[in-house]
Amino acid sequence: MSDKFFFKGRQDARQHHTAHGGFKTNASQKSGSKKFPLTLVVTSEARKQEIEAQVAEAGLHANITVDTREGAVESIAELTVLLNKAATVTTTKLPSRNDPCSCGSGLKFKKCCG
């Protein structure tokens, strides 16, 4: 028989998203902080000191390991992404037609420089 004749409560078709681990609800994990340090791999002790200086200058935290095996690959991609992050671009607002002109003439913008 169908559920419409024998109603036993609401049939919820969608489950709650946090019950099954579908989404990260605490997504504000700032990499490079004390709680979430960067994980970097370098190939020499001298390179480790260079990277430590860059990390300290940027005010970040990192776990740096030295891998001296033959064919080891350096992994500092996380650091380069954070250091090369572009700054926010702000533009100056143009005056609207009826605002006073920015040249100081005392006229409206539309009559002077607009």
N, C-alpha and C. Protein backbone atom coordinates (compact mmCIF):
# COMPACT_ATOMS: atom_id res chain seq x y z
N MET A 1 0.83 -1.17 0.00
CA MET A 1 0.00 0.00 0.00
C MET A 1 0.88 1.25 0.00
N SER A 2 0.31 2.36 -0.26
CA SER A 2 1.08 3.60 -0.29
C SER A 2 1.09 4.26 1.08
N ASP A 3 2.01 5.19 1.25
CA ASP A 3 2.16 5.90 2.53
C ASP A 3 1.04 6.91 2.77
N LYS A 4 0.30 7.23 1.75
CA LYS A 4 -0.69 8.27 1.95
C LYS A 4 -1.86 7.80 2.81
N PHE A 5 -2.11 6.51 2.88
CA PHE A 5 -3.19 6.00 3.71
C PHE A 5 -2.75 5.71 5.14
N PHE A 6 -1.48 5.37 5.32
CA PHE A 6 -0.98 5.01 6.64
C PHE A 6 0.14 5.97 7.02
N PHE A 7 -0.20 7.17 7.40
CA PHE A 7 0.78 8.21 7.71
C PHE A 7 1.41 7.94 9.06
N LYS A 8 2.74 7.80 9.07
CA LYS A 8 3.46 7.53 10.31
C LYS A 8 4.45 8.64 10.61
N GLY A 9 4.24 9.81 10.11
CA GLY A 9 5.16 10.92 10.33
C GLY A 9 5.69 11.42 9.00
N ARG A 10 6.46 12.46 9.06
CA ARG A 10 6.98 13.09 7.85
C ARG A 10 8.08 12.23 7.24
N GLN A 11 7.99 11.99 5.96
CA GLN A 11 9.03 11.27 5.23
C GLN A 11 10.04 12.30 4.72
N ASP A 12 11.22 12.35 5.31
CA ASP A 12 12.23 13.34 4.93
C ASP A 12 13.10 12.75 3.83
N ALA A 13 13.02 13.30 2.65
CA ALA A 13 13.77 12.78 1.51
C ALA A 13 15.25 13.16 1.58
N ARG A 14 15.54 14.36 2.09
CA ARG A 14 16.94 14.81 2.14
C ARG A 14 17.46 14.71 3.56
N GLN A 15 18.63 14.17 3.70
CA GLN A 15 19.28 14.06 4.99
C GLN A 15 19.98 15.37 5.31
N HIS A 16 20.28 15.60 6.57
CA HIS A 16 21.03 16.79 6.96
C HIS A 16 22.46 16.65 6.49
N HIS A 17 23.04 17.71 5.94
CA HIS A 17 24.35 17.62 5.29
C HIS A 17 25.50 17.34 6.27
N THR A 18 25.36 17.66 7.55
CA THR A 18 26.47 17.42 8.47
C THR A 18 26.44 16.01 9.05
N ALA A 19 25.33 15.32 8.91
CA ALA A 19 25.24 13.97 9.48
C ALA A 19 26.11 12.98 8.73
N HIS A 20 26.34 13.19 7.46
CA HIS A 20 27.08 12.23 6.66
C HIS A 20 28.44 12.74 6.23
N GLY A 21 28.86 13.87 6.72
CA GLY A 21 30.20 14.38 6.39
C GLY A 21 30.30 14.90 4.98
N GLY A 22 29.24 15.39 4.40
CA GLY A 22 29.26 15.85 3.02
C GLY A 22 29.96 17.17 2.82
N PHE A 23 29.82 18.10 3.75
CA PHE A 23 30.40 19.42 3.59
C PHE A 23 31.26 19.74 4.81
N LYS A 24 32.26 20.59 4.60
CA LYS A 24 33.05 21.08 5.72
C LYS A 24 32.34 22.30 6.28
N THR A 25 31.76 22.15 7.46
CA THR A 25 31.04 23.27 8.03
C THR A 25 31.98 24.27 8.69
N ASN A 26 33.16 23.83 9.10
CA ASN A 26 34.16 24.74 9.68
C ASN A 26 35.26 24.95 8.66
N ALA A 27 34.95 25.63 7.59
CA ALA A 27 35.87 25.77 6.48
C ALA A 27 36.86 26.92 6.66
N SER A 28 36.87 27.57 7.79
CA SER A 28 37.78 28.70 7.99
C SER A 28 39.11 28.23 8.56
N GLN A 29 39.79 27.34 7.85
CA GLN A 29 41.09 26.85 8.27
C GLN A 29 42.15 27.66 7.55
N LYS A 30 42.76 28.59 8.24
CA LYS A 30 43.75 29.46 7.63
C LYS A 30 45.09 28.76 7.63
N SER A 31 45.58 28.40 6.45
CA SER A 31 46.86 27.72 6.37
C SER A 31 47.98 28.71 6.69
N GLY A 32 48.97 28.22 7.39
CA GLY A 32 50.07 29.07 7.82
C GLY A 32 49.90 29.60 9.22
N SER A 33 48.80 29.24 9.89
CA SER A 33 48.59 29.67 11.27
C SER A 33 49.20 28.63 12.22
N LYS A 34 49.16 28.93 13.51
CA LYS A 34 49.70 27.98 14.49
C LYS A 34 48.94 26.66 14.48
N LYS A 35 47.63 26.75 14.32
CA LYS A 35 46.81 25.55 14.35
C LYS A 35 46.94 24.72 13.07
N PHE A 36 47.11 25.39 11.92
CA PHE A 36 47.24 24.72 10.63
C PHE A 36 48.53 25.18 9.94
N PRO A 37 49.70 24.69 10.38
CA PRO A 37 50.95 25.15 9.78
C PRO A 37 51.14 24.58 8.37
N LEU A 38 51.97 25.27 7.60
CA LEU A 38 52.31 24.79 6.26
C LEU A 38 53.21 23.57 6.38
N THR A 39 53.12 22.64 5.46
CA THR A 39 54.00 21.47 5.43
C THR A 39 54.90 21.62 4.22
N LEU A 40 56.18 21.88 4.46
CA LEU A 40 57.13 22.14 3.39
C LEU A 40 58.25 21.12 3.43
N VAL A 41 58.75 20.74 2.24
CA VAL A 41 59.87 19.79 2.13
C VAL A 41 60.95 20.45 1.29
N VAL A 42 62.19 20.47 1.80
CA VAL A 42 63.33 21.03 1.07
C VAL A 42 64.40 19.97 0.95
N THR A 43 65.40 20.24 0.09
CA THR A 43 66.42 19.23 -0.19
C THR A 43 67.76 19.46 0.50
N SER A 44 67.95 20.62 1.13
CA SER A 44 69.23 20.87 1.80
C SER A 44 69.01 21.72 3.04
N GLU A 45 69.99 21.69 3.91
CA GLU A 45 69.91 22.46 5.16
C GLU A 45 70.00 23.96 4.89
N ALA A 46 70.80 24.36 3.88
CA ALA A 46 70.91 25.78 3.53
C ALA A 46 69.58 26.30 2.99
N ARG A 47 68.93 25.50 2.18
CA ARG A 47 67.62 25.90 1.63
C ARG A 47 66.58 25.99 2.75
N LYS A 48 66.70 25.13 3.76
CA LYS A 48 65.78 25.16 4.89
C LYS A 48 65.89 26.50 5.61
N GLN A 49 67.11 26.99 5.79
CA GLN A 49 67.31 28.27 6.46
C GLN A 49 66.73 29.42 5.64
N GLU A 50 66.86 29.35 4.30
CA GLU A 50 66.28 30.39 3.44
C GLU A 50 64.76 30.41 3.58
N ILE A 51 64.15 29.23 3.56
CA ILE A 51 62.70 29.13 3.65
C ILE A 51 62.22 29.58 5.04
N GLU A 52 62.96 29.22 6.09
CA GLU A 52 62.60 29.67 7.44
C GLU A 52 62.60 31.19 7.52
N ALA A 53 63.57 31.83 6.85
CA ALA A 53 63.63 33.29 6.85
C ALA A 53 62.41 33.88 6.13
N GLN A 54 62.02 33.29 5.00
CA GLN A 54 60.84 33.76 4.27
C GLN A 54 59.57 33.59 5.09
N VAL A 55 59.45 32.45 5.77
CA VAL A 55 58.27 32.17 6.58
C VAL A 55 58.18 33.15 7.74
N ALA A 56 59.32 33.42 8.40
CA ALA A 56 59.34 34.34 9.52
C ALA A 56 59.01 35.77 9.06
N GLU A 57 59.52 36.16 7.89
CA GLU A 57 59.27 37.51 7.37
C GLU A 57 57.79 37.71 7.04
N ALA A 58 57.14 36.64 6.56
CA ALA A 58 55.72 36.73 6.21
C ALA A 58 54.81 36.55 7.43
N GLY A 59 55.37 36.17 8.57
CA GLY A 59 54.57 35.99 9.78
C GLY A 59 53.74 34.72 9.76
N LEU A 60 54.25 33.68 9.12
CA LEU A 60 53.53 32.41 9.01
C LEU A 60 54.18 31.36 9.90
N HIS A 61 53.55 30.20 9.99
CA HIS A 61 54.08 29.06 10.71
C HIS A 61 54.17 27.89 9.75
N ALA A 62 55.29 27.14 9.84
CA ALA A 62 55.48 26.03 8.90
C ALA A 62 56.28 24.92 9.56
N ASN A 63 55.99 23.68 9.13
CA ASN A 63 56.79 22.52 9.49
C ASN A 63 57.67 22.21 8.28
N ILE A 64 58.97 22.45 8.42
CA ILE A 64 59.90 22.28 7.31
C ILE A 64 60.73 21.03 7.57
N THR A 65 60.73 20.11 6.61
CA THR A 65 61.54 18.89 6.73
C THR A 65 62.56 18.88 5.61
N VAL A 66 63.72 18.27 5.90
CA VAL A 66 64.80 18.17 4.92
C VAL A 66 64.82 16.74 4.39
N ASP A 67 64.73 16.59 3.07
CA ASP A 67 64.77 15.29 2.41
C ASP A 67 66.03 15.23 1.57
N THR A 68 67.05 14.50 2.06
CA THR A 68 68.35 14.47 1.37
C THR A 68 68.51 13.24 0.49
N ARG A 69 67.46 12.48 0.27
CA ARG A 69 67.56 11.31 -0.60
C ARG A 69 67.85 11.75 -2.04
N GLU A 70 68.41 10.84 -2.81
CA GLU A 70 68.68 11.15 -4.21
C GLU A 70 67.36 11.19 -4.98
N GLY A 71 67.19 12.20 -5.80
CA GLY A 71 65.96 12.36 -6.57
C GLY A 71 64.83 12.99 -5.78
N ALA A 72 65.13 13.52 -4.61
CA ALA A 72 64.09 14.15 -3.79
C ALA A 72 63.62 15.45 -4.46
N VAL A 73 62.35 15.73 -4.30
CA VAL A 73 61.76 16.92 -4.92
C VAL A 73 61.35 17.90 -3.84
N GLU A 74 61.66 19.19 -4.08
CA GLU A 74 61.30 20.23 -3.12
C GLU A 74 59.81 20.55 -3.26
N SER A 75 59.14 20.71 -2.12
CA SER A 75 57.71 20.98 -2.13
C SER A 75 57.42 22.22 -1.28
N ILE A 76 57.40 23.38 -1.93
CA ILE A 76 57.11 24.63 -1.23
C ILE A 76 55.97 25.38 -1.92
N ALA A 77 55.09 24.64 -2.60
CA ALA A 77 54.00 25.26 -3.35
C ALA A 77 53.05 26.04 -2.44
N GLU A 78 52.77 25.51 -1.24
CA GLU A 78 51.86 26.19 -0.31
C GLU A 78 52.40 27.57 0.06
N LEU A 79 53.70 27.64 0.28
CA LEU A 79 54.33 28.91 0.66
C LEU A 79 54.28 29.91 -0.49
N THR A 80 54.60 29.46 -1.70
CA THR A 80 54.61 30.39 -2.84
C THR A 80 53.21 30.93 -3.13
N VAL A 81 52.19 30.11 -2.92
CA VAL A 81 50.81 30.59 -3.14
C VAL A 81 50.48 31.70 -2.16
N LEU A 82 50.84 31.52 -0.89
CA LEU A 82 50.53 32.54 0.12
C LEU A 82 51.36 33.80 -0.07
N LEU A 83 52.61 33.66 -0.52
CA LEU A 83 53.46 34.84 -0.69
C LEU A 83 53.09 35.64 -1.95
N ASN A 84 52.57 34.97 -2.97
CA ASN A 84 52.24 35.64 -4.24
C ASN A 84 50.78 36.01 -4.33
N LYS A 85 50.07 36.01 -3.21
CA LYS A 85 48.66 36.36 -3.21
C LYS A 85 48.50 37.83 -3.56
N ALA A 86 47.61 38.11 -4.49
CA ALA A 86 47.40 39.48 -4.95
C ALA A 86 46.64 40.28 -3.89
N ALA A 87 46.96 41.54 -3.78
CA ALA A 87 46.28 42.42 -2.84
C ALA A 87 44.94 42.86 -3.42
N THR A 88 44.06 43.31 -2.57
CA THR A 88 42.76 43.79 -3.00
C THR A 88 42.91 45.09 -3.76
N VAL A 89 42.26 45.17 -4.92
CA VAL A 89 42.34 46.36 -5.76
C VAL A 89 41.14 47.25 -5.44
N THR A 90 41.42 48.50 -5.10
CA THR A 90 40.35 49.45 -4.85
C THR A 90 40.44 50.57 -5.87
N THR A 91 39.30 50.98 -6.37
CA THR A 91 39.26 52.06 -7.35
C THR A 91 38.54 53.26 -6.73
N THR A 92 38.92 54.42 -7.19
CA THR A 92 38.26 55.63 -6.69
C THR A 92 36.91 55.78 -7.36
N LYS A 93 35.94 56.24 -6.62
CA LYS A 93 34.59 56.39 -7.12
C LYS A 93 34.51 57.69 -7.92
N LEU A 94 34.00 57.58 -9.14
CA LEU A 94 33.80 58.78 -9.95
C LEU A 94 32.62 59.56 -9.39
N PRO A 95 32.70 60.87 -9.45
CA PRO A 95 31.56 61.65 -8.95
C PRO A 95 30.35 61.49 -9.87
N SER A 96 29.17 61.51 -9.28
CA SER A 96 27.97 61.44 -10.11
C SER A 96 27.74 62.81 -10.75
N ARG A 97 26.75 62.91 -11.58
CA ARG A 97 26.54 64.13 -12.37
C ARG A 97 26.30 65.37 -11.51
N ASN A 98 25.56 65.21 -10.42
CA ASN A 98 25.17 66.39 -9.64
C ASN A 98 26.08 66.67 -8.44
N ASP A 99 27.16 65.93 -8.30
CA ASP A 99 28.12 66.20 -7.23
C ASP A 99 28.98 67.40 -7.61
N PRO A 100 29.54 68.10 -6.62
CA PRO A 100 30.44 69.20 -6.97
C PRO A 100 31.70 68.65 -7.65
N CYS A 101 32.24 69.41 -8.55
CA CYS A 101 33.40 68.97 -9.34
C CYS A 101 34.64 68.87 -8.45
N SER A 102 35.47 67.89 -8.75
CA SER A 102 36.66 67.66 -7.93
C SER A 102 37.78 68.64 -8.23
N CYS A 103 37.66 69.43 -9.28
CA CYS A 103 38.73 70.39 -9.61
C CYS A 103 38.67 71.64 -8.74
N GLY A 104 37.54 71.82 -8.00
CA GLY A 104 37.44 72.95 -7.08
C GLY A 104 36.81 74.18 -7.67
N SER A 105 36.18 74.07 -8.83
CA SER A 105 35.58 75.24 -9.47
C SER A 105 34.28 75.67 -8.80
N GLY A 106 33.63 74.79 -8.07
CA GLY A 106 32.37 75.11 -7.43
C GLY A 106 31.17 74.77 -8.27
N LEU A 107 31.38 74.36 -9.52
CA LEU A 107 30.28 73.97 -10.40
C LEU A 107 29.95 72.49 -10.20
N LYS A 108 28.81 72.09 -10.76
CA LYS A 108 28.48 70.68 -10.74
C LYS A 108 29.42 69.95 -11.71
N PHE A 109 29.63 68.66 -11.47
CA PHE A 109 30.53 67.86 -12.29
C PHE A 109 30.07 67.83 -13.73
N LYS A 110 28.74 67.74 -13.96
CA LYS A 110 28.22 67.65 -15.33
C LYS A 110 28.47 68.93 -16.12
N LYS A 111 28.58 70.10 -15.46
CA LYS A 111 28.80 71.38 -16.17
C LYS A 111 30.28 71.69 -16.34
N CYS A 112 31.15 71.08 -15.51
CA CYS A 112 32.57 71.45 -15.53
C CYS A 112 33.42 70.40 -16.27
N CYS A 113 33.71 69.30 -15.61
CA CYS A 113 34.64 68.31 -16.16
C CYS A 113 33.94 67.10 -16.75
N GLY A 114 32.64 66.99 -16.63
CA GLY A 114 31.90 65.80 -17.08
C GLY A 114 31.53 65.91 -18.47
